[in-house]
Amino acid sequence: MPEDTKEFQELFRELSGYEKKGVYIELEGKPASPTQIVQAHMLREDSGYMRDYVLNEKGDLKALYFNHIEKEQ
């Protein structure tokens, strides 16, 4: 199995777990599913996404935002 395929599968499992726990996930300002996040990562080989974690008052993850960033060349 190609290394990037394994990486995408792991990302999907991670995000699916968050989704099952009720964590809100957003991509570029819009609600997104784990599948949409993985597809976006697959399409953007020359750039990436920065994660922003939002915690509730108890310190539990309540939201995860993905924002597109350009890689330095």
N, C-alpha and C. Protein backbone atom coordinates (compact mmCIF):
# COMPACT_ATOMS: atom_id res chain seq x y z
N MET A 1 0.86 -1.18 0.00
CA MET A 1 0.00 0.00 0.00
C MET A 1 0.90 1.24 0.00
N PRO A 2 0.66 2.16 -0.94
CA PRO A 2 1.47 3.40 -0.97
C PRO A 2 1.36 4.15 0.35
N GLU A 3 2.45 4.81 0.73
CA GLU A 3 2.50 5.51 2.01
C GLU A 3 1.42 6.58 2.13
N ASP A 4 1.17 7.34 1.06
CA ASP A 4 0.15 8.38 1.17
C ASP A 4 -1.26 7.80 1.31
N THR A 5 -1.52 6.63 0.74
CA THR A 5 -2.82 5.98 0.90
C THR A 5 -3.04 5.62 2.36
N LYS A 6 -2.01 5.08 2.99
CA LYS A 6 -2.08 4.74 4.41
C LYS A 6 -2.32 6.00 5.25
N GLU A 7 -1.63 7.06 4.90
CA GLU A 7 -1.79 8.34 5.61
C GLU A 7 -3.22 8.86 5.49
N PHE A 8 -3.81 8.77 4.32
CA PHE A 8 -5.18 9.24 4.12
C PHE A 8 -6.18 8.37 4.89
N GLN A 9 -5.93 7.06 4.93
CA GLN A 9 -6.80 6.17 5.69
C GLN A 9 -6.74 6.49 7.18
N GLU A 10 -5.54 6.76 7.68
CA GLU A 10 -5.38 7.12 9.09
C GLU A 10 -6.08 8.44 9.41
N LEU A 11 -5.97 9.40 8.50
CA LEU A 11 -6.63 10.68 8.68
C LEU A 11 -8.15 10.48 8.71
N PHE A 12 -8.66 9.66 7.81
CA PHE A 12 -10.10 9.40 7.78
C PHE A 12 -10.57 8.77 9.09
N ARG A 13 -9.83 7.77 9.58
CA ARG A 13 -10.19 7.12 10.85
C ARG A 13 -10.17 8.12 12.00
N GLU A 14 -9.15 8.97 12.04
CA GLU A 14 -9.05 9.98 13.09
C GLU A 14 -10.25 10.91 13.06
N LEU A 15 -10.56 11.44 11.89
CA LEU A 15 -11.66 12.40 11.77
C LEU A 15 -13.01 11.75 12.00
N SER A 16 -13.17 10.50 11.57
CA SER A 16 -14.42 9.78 11.82
C SER A 16 -14.64 9.60 13.32
N GLY A 17 -13.56 9.33 14.04
CA GLY A 17 -13.66 9.21 15.49
C GLY A 17 -14.11 10.51 16.13
N TYR A 18 -13.54 11.63 15.67
CA TYR A 18 -13.96 12.94 16.18
C TYR A 18 -15.43 13.18 15.88
N GLU A 19 -15.83 12.86 14.65
CA GLU A 19 -17.21 13.09 14.23
C GLU A 19 -18.18 12.28 15.11
N LYS A 20 -17.83 11.04 15.40
CA LYS A 20 -18.68 10.19 16.25
C LYS A 20 -18.81 10.75 17.66
N LYS A 21 -17.78 11.48 18.11
CA LYS A 21 -17.81 12.09 19.44
C LYS A 21 -18.53 13.44 19.44
N GLY A 22 -19.02 13.85 18.28
CA GLY A 22 -19.77 15.10 18.18
C GLY A 22 -18.92 16.34 17.95
N VAL A 23 -17.66 16.15 17.57
CA VAL A 23 -16.78 17.28 17.29
C VAL A 23 -17.19 17.90 15.95
N TYR A 24 -17.38 19.20 15.94
CA TYR A 24 -17.72 19.93 14.72
C TYR A 24 -16.45 20.05 13.87
N ILE A 25 -16.55 19.72 12.58
CA ILE A 25 -15.40 19.79 11.69
C ILE A 25 -15.74 20.74 10.53
N GLU A 26 -14.78 21.61 10.24
CA GLU A 26 -14.98 22.64 9.22
C GLU A 26 -13.76 22.70 8.30
N LEU A 27 -14.01 22.92 7.02
CA LEU A 27 -12.96 23.09 6.01
C LEU A 27 -13.18 24.41 5.30
N GLU A 28 -12.21 25.28 5.42
CA GLU A 28 -12.28 26.58 4.74
C GLU A 28 -13.58 27.32 5.04
N GLY A 29 -14.01 27.31 6.29
CA GLY A 29 -15.18 28.07 6.70
C GLY A 29 -16.53 27.40 6.50
N LYS A 30 -16.52 26.12 6.06
CA LYS A 30 -17.79 25.42 5.83
C LYS A 30 -17.76 24.06 6.52
N PRO A 31 -18.91 23.61 7.05
CA PRO A 31 -18.95 22.28 7.66
C PRO A 31 -18.49 21.23 6.67
N ALA A 32 -17.74 20.23 7.16
CA ALA A 32 -17.19 19.21 6.26
C ALA A 32 -17.20 17.85 6.94
N SER A 33 -17.32 16.82 6.13
CA SER A 33 -17.26 15.44 6.61
C SER A 33 -15.81 14.96 6.55
N PRO A 34 -15.51 13.87 7.24
CA PRO A 34 -14.16 13.29 7.12
C PRO A 34 -13.77 13.01 5.67
N THR A 35 -14.72 12.52 4.89
CA THR A 35 -14.44 12.24 3.47
C THR A 35 -14.04 13.50 2.72
N GLN A 36 -14.74 14.59 2.96
CA GLN A 36 -14.41 15.85 2.28
C GLN A 36 -13.03 16.35 2.66
N ILE A 37 -12.67 16.21 3.93
CA ILE A 37 -11.35 16.64 4.39
C ILE A 37 -10.26 15.82 3.71
N VAL A 38 -10.44 14.51 3.68
CA VAL A 38 -9.44 13.63 3.06
C VAL A 38 -9.32 13.93 1.57
N GLN A 39 -10.43 14.12 0.88
CA GLN A 39 -10.38 14.44 -0.55
C GLN A 39 -9.63 15.75 -0.78
N ALA A 40 -9.86 16.74 0.05
CA ALA A 40 -9.16 18.01 -0.09
C ALA A 40 -7.66 17.82 0.09
N HIS A 41 -7.26 17.01 1.05
CA HIS A 41 -5.83 16.74 1.26
C HIS A 41 -5.23 16.02 0.05
N MET A 42 -5.98 15.11 -0.53
CA MET A 42 -5.49 14.36 -1.68
C MET A 42 -5.29 15.27 -2.90
N LEU A 43 -6.15 16.25 -3.06
CA LEU A 43 -6.09 17.13 -4.23
C LEU A 43 -5.01 18.21 -4.10
N ARG A 44 -4.62 18.56 -2.90
CA ARG A 44 -3.67 19.65 -2.67
C ARG A 44 -2.29 19.12 -2.33
N GLU A 45 -1.63 18.54 -3.31
CA GLU A 45 -0.30 17.98 -3.08
C GLU A 45 0.75 19.07 -2.88
N ASP A 46 0.55 20.24 -3.47
CA ASP A 46 1.55 21.30 -3.40
C ASP A 46 1.32 22.27 -2.24
N SER A 47 0.33 22.01 -1.44
CA SER A 47 0.04 22.85 -0.28
C SER A 47 -0.59 21.97 0.79
N GLY A 48 -1.01 22.58 1.87
CA GLY A 48 -1.56 21.78 2.95
C GLY A 48 -2.62 22.53 3.73
N TYR A 49 -2.96 21.96 4.86
CA TYR A 49 -3.98 22.54 5.72
C TYR A 49 -3.45 22.66 7.15
N MET A 50 -3.75 23.77 7.76
CA MET A 50 -3.41 23.98 9.15
C MET A 50 -4.64 23.63 9.97
N ARG A 51 -4.41 22.93 11.07
CA ARG A 51 -5.51 22.58 11.96
C ARG A 51 -5.61 23.61 13.08
N ASP A 52 -6.82 24.00 13.39
CA ASP A 52 -7.11 24.83 14.55
C ASP A 52 -8.04 24.03 15.44
N TYR A 53 -7.60 23.76 16.66
CA TYR A 53 -8.37 23.00 17.63
C TYR A 53 -9.09 23.96 18.56
N VAL A 54 -10.38 23.75 18.79
CA VAL A 54 -11.16 24.57 19.70
C VAL A 54 -11.63 23.66 20.84
N LEU A 55 -11.31 24.07 22.06
CA LEU A 55 -11.67 23.29 23.23
C LEU A 55 -12.84 23.93 23.97
N ASN A 56 -13.61 23.11 24.67
CA ASN A 56 -14.69 23.65 25.51
C ASN A 56 -14.11 24.04 26.87
N GLU A 57 -14.96 24.50 27.76
CA GLU A 57 -14.49 24.97 29.06
C GLU A 57 -13.88 23.86 29.92
N LYS A 58 -14.18 22.60 29.59
CA LYS A 58 -13.60 21.46 30.32
C LYS A 58 -12.28 21.00 29.72
N GLY A 59 -11.91 21.59 28.57
CA GLY A 59 -10.68 21.20 27.90
C GLY A 59 -10.86 20.09 26.88
N ASP A 60 -12.11 19.72 26.59
CA ASP A 60 -12.40 18.70 25.59
C ASP A 60 -12.51 19.35 24.21
N LEU A 61 -12.09 18.61 23.19
CA LEU A 61 -12.18 19.10 21.83
C LEU A 61 -13.64 19.26 21.42
N LYS A 62 -14.02 20.47 20.97
CA LYS A 62 -15.40 20.68 20.52
C LYS A 62 -15.48 21.01 19.04
N ALA A 63 -14.37 21.51 18.45
CA ALA A 63 -14.38 21.83 17.03
C ALA A 63 -12.97 21.71 16.46
N LEU A 64 -12.92 21.39 15.18
CA LEU A 64 -11.66 21.27 14.47
C LEU A 64 -11.81 21.97 13.13
N TYR A 65 -10.98 22.97 12.90
CA TYR A 65 -11.03 23.75 11.66
C TYR A 65 -9.80 23.47 10.82
N PHE A 66 -10.00 23.26 9.54
CA PHE A 66 -8.91 23.08 8.58
C PHE A 66 -8.87 24.31 7.68
N ASN A 67 -7.71 24.97 7.65
CA ASN A 67 -7.53 26.15 6.81
C ASN A 67 -6.37 25.94 5.85
N HIS A 68 -6.60 26.24 4.59
CA HIS A 68 -5.61 26.03 3.55
C HIS A 68 -4.41 26.95 3.75
N ILE A 69 -3.21 26.39 3.59
CA ILE A 69 -1.99 27.19 3.63
C ILE A 69 -1.12 26.80 2.44
N GLU A 70 -0.36 27.73 1.95
CA GLU A 70 0.58 27.46 0.87
C GLU A 70 1.91 27.07 1.47
N LYS A 71 2.53 26.05 0.92
CA LYS A 71 3.86 25.64 1.38
C LYS A 71 4.91 26.60 0.82
N GLU A 72 5.91 26.87 1.62
CA GLU A 72 7.00 27.74 1.14
C GLU A 72 7.80 26.99 0.10
N GLN A 73 8.27 27.73 -0.89
CA GLN A 73 9.03 27.08 -1.97
C GLN A 73 10.47 27.47 -1.92
